[in-house]
Amino acid sequence: MNWNDAAEDFLNQVLAQTPRPVREKTEAELRATAEGMAEEDGKNRVGVETVIGAWVRLTPETLRGDLPRQMERFGLDPDEYRRLLE
């Protein structure tokens, strides 16, 4: 599955905030989830929106309350992704 540059960049931003001991596992899970979501949507390329969806989906429920703040740090508007956070 192909990834566009912006999707790779966002993945790397998320991974930079991930503790080292779990970074490789997190990367593998994010890649697999994003690629699966892209395939479900009939896409042959992973884009930023798909990576964001995978990131939200894989974030444990107990930590999701912090995602809007993290999104802002990445330059995203959390209101645009409210549907994913509910």
C-alpha atoms as a PDB file:
ATOM      1  CA  MET A   1       0.000   0.000   0.000  1.00  0.00           C
ATOM      2  CA  ASN A   2       1.302   3.443  -0.920  1.00  0.00           C
ATOM      3  CA  TRP A   3       1.456   6.306   1.541  1.00  0.00           C
ATOM      4  CA  ASN A   4       1.486   9.938   0.525  1.00  0.00           C
ATOM      5  CA  ASP A   5       4.221  12.160   1.966  1.00  0.00           C
ATOM      6  CA  ALA A   6       1.860  14.068   4.259  1.00  0.00           C
ATOM      7  CA  ALA A   7       0.587  10.806   5.755  1.00  0.00           C
ATOM      8  CA  GLU A   8       4.163   9.636   6.406  1.00  0.00           C
ATOM      9  CA  ASP A   9       4.985  13.010   7.969  1.00  0.00           C
ATOM     10  CA  PHE A  10       1.983  12.854  10.288  1.00  0.00           C
ATOM     11  CA  LEU A  11       2.796   9.266  11.277  1.00  0.00           C
ATOM     12  CA  ASN A  12       6.323  10.377  12.150  1.00  0.00           C
ATOM     13  CA  GLN A  13       4.976  13.266  14.246  1.00  0.00           C
ATOM     14  CA  VAL A  14       2.812  10.860  16.228  1.00  0.00           C
ATOM     15  CA  LEU A  15       5.686   8.419  16.654  1.00  0.00           C
ATOM     16  CA  ALA A  16       7.971  11.200  17.897  1.00  0.00           C
ATOM     17  CA  GLN A  17       5.510  11.651  20.800  1.00  0.00           C
ATOM     18  CA  THR A  18       5.395   7.908  21.505  1.00  0.00           C
ATOM     19  CA  PRO A  19       7.618   6.469  24.255  1.00  0.00           C
ATOM     20  CA  ARG A  20      10.617   4.642  22.775  1.00  0.00           C
ATOM     21  CA  PRO A  21       9.855   1.229  24.321  1.00  0.00           C
ATOM     22  CA  VAL A  22       6.576   0.983  22.392  1.00  0.00           C
ATOM     23  CA  ARG A  23       7.410   3.080  19.319  1.00  0.00           C
ATOM     24  CA  GLU A  24       8.067   0.184  16.910  1.00  0.00           C
ATOM     25  CA  LYS A  25       4.962  -1.695  18.011  1.00  0.00           C
ATOM     26  CA  THR A  26       2.890   1.492  17.728  1.00  0.00           C
ATOM     27  CA  GLU A  27       4.232   2.162  14.233  1.00  0.00           C
ATOM     28  CA  ALA A  28       3.355  -1.353  13.084  1.00  0.00           C
ATOM     29  CA  GLU A  29      -0.151  -1.080  14.555  1.00  0.00           C
ATOM     30  CA  LEU A  30      -0.766   2.375  13.057  1.00  0.00           C
ATOM     31  CA  ARG A  31       0.455   1.293   9.624  1.00  0.00           C
ATOM     32  CA  ALA A  32      -1.625  -1.885   9.616  1.00  0.00           C
ATOM     33  CA  THR A  33      -4.756  -0.096  10.847  1.00  0.00           C
ATOM     34  CA  ALA A  34      -4.387   2.806   8.401  1.00  0.00           C
ATOM     35  CA  GLU A  35      -3.798   0.457   5.483  1.00  0.00           C
ATOM     36  CA  GLY A  36      -6.781  -1.662   6.484  1.00  0.00           C
ATOM     37  CA  MET A  37      -8.985   1.432   6.727  1.00  0.00           C
ATOM     38  CA  ALA A  38      -7.794   2.644   3.314  1.00  0.00           C
ATOM     39  CA  GLU A  39      -8.567  -0.757   1.776  1.00  0.00           C
ATOM     40  CA  GLU A  40     -12.038  -0.753   3.369  1.00  0.00           C
ATOM     41  CA  ASP A  41     -12.637   2.627   1.719  1.00  0.00           C
ATOM     42  CA  GLY A  42     -11.470   1.276  -1.656  1.00  0.00           C
ATOM     43  CA  LYS A  43      -8.328   3.429  -1.686  1.00  0.00           C
ATOM     44  CA  ASN A  44      -4.911   2.347  -2.885  1.00  0.00           C
ATOM     45  CA  ARG A  45      -3.070   5.075  -1.002  1.00  0.00           C
ATOM     46  CA  VAL A  46      -3.020   6.070   2.661  1.00  0.00           C
ATOM     47  CA  GLY A  47      -3.627   9.763   3.290  1.00  0.00           C
ATOM     48  CA  VAL A  48      -3.430  11.964   6.365  1.00  0.00           C
ATOM     49  CA  GLU A  49      -7.141  11.641   7.172  1.00  0.00           C
ATOM     50  CA  THR A  50      -6.791   7.860   7.276  1.00  0.00           C
ATOM     51  CA  VAL A  51      -3.747   8.040   9.563  1.00  0.00           C
ATOM     52  CA  ILE A  52      -5.622  10.383  11.891  1.00  0.00           C
ATOM     53  CA  GLY A  53      -8.533   7.935  11.960  1.00  0.00           C
ATOM     54  CA  ALA A  54      -6.187   5.045  12.751  1.00  0.00           C
ATOM     55  CA  TRP A  55      -4.475   7.078  15.481  1.00  0.00           C
ATOM     56  CA  VAL A  56      -7.795   7.886  17.136  1.00  0.00           C
ATOM     57  CA  ARG A  57      -9.035   4.299  16.758  1.00  0.00           C
ATOM     58  CA  LEU A  58      -5.894   2.870  18.384  1.00  0.00           C
ATOM     59  CA  THR A  59      -5.782   5.368  21.240  1.00  0.00           C
ATOM     60  CA  PRO A  60      -7.146   3.676  24.375  1.00  0.00           C
ATOM     61  CA  GLU A  61     -10.522   5.020  25.474  1.00  0.00           C
ATOM     62  CA  THR A  62      -9.057   6.282  28.741  1.00  0.00           C
ATOM     63  CA  LEU A  63      -6.566   8.497  26.860  1.00  0.00           C
ATOM     64  CA  ARG A  64      -8.859   9.866  24.153  1.00  0.00           C
ATOM     65  CA  GLY A  65      -9.768  12.902  26.238  1.00  0.00           C
ATOM     66  CA  ASP A  66      -6.242  14.200  25.634  1.00  0.00           C
ATOM     67  CA  LEU A  67      -6.421  13.809  21.838  1.00  0.00           C
ATOM     68  CA  PRO A  68      -7.872  17.275  21.123  1.00  0.00           C
ATOM     69  CA  ARG A  69      -4.889  18.883  22.872  1.00  0.00           C
ATOM     70  CA  GLN A  70      -2.478  16.633  20.988  1.00  0.00           C
ATOM     71  CA  MET A  71      -4.217  17.446  17.709  1.00  0.00           C
ATOM     72  CA  GLU A  72      -3.726  21.148  18.379  1.00  0.00           C
ATOM     73  CA  ARG A  73      -0.013  20.537  18.972  1.00  0.00           C
ATOM     74  CA  PHE A  74       0.122  18.910  15.538  1.00  0.00           C
ATOM     75  CA  GLY A  75      -1.598  21.936  14.002  1.00  0.00           C
ATOM     76  CA  LEU A  76      -4.960  20.196  13.560  1.00  0.00           C
ATOM     77  CA  ASP A  77      -8.368  21.595  14.458  1.00  0.00           C
ATOM     78  CA  PRO A  78      -9.950  19.075  16.865  1.00  0.00           C
ATOM     79  CA  ASP A  79     -13.432  20.232  15.865  1.00  0.00           C
ATOM     80  CA  GLU A  80     -12.842  18.804  12.390  1.00  0.00           C
ATOM     81  CA  TYR A  81     -12.318  15.371  13.956  1.00  0.00           C
ATOM     82  CA  ARG A  82     -14.998  15.537  16.663  1.00  0.00           C
ATOM     83  CA  ARG A  83     -16.903  12.675  14.987  1.00  0.00           C
ATOM     84  CA  LEU A  84     -13.868  10.428  15.433  1.00  0.00           C
ATOM     85  CA  LEU A  85     -13.485  11.365  19.080  1.00  0.00           C
ATOM     86  CA  GLU A  86     -17.034  10.502  20.140  1.00  0.00           C
END
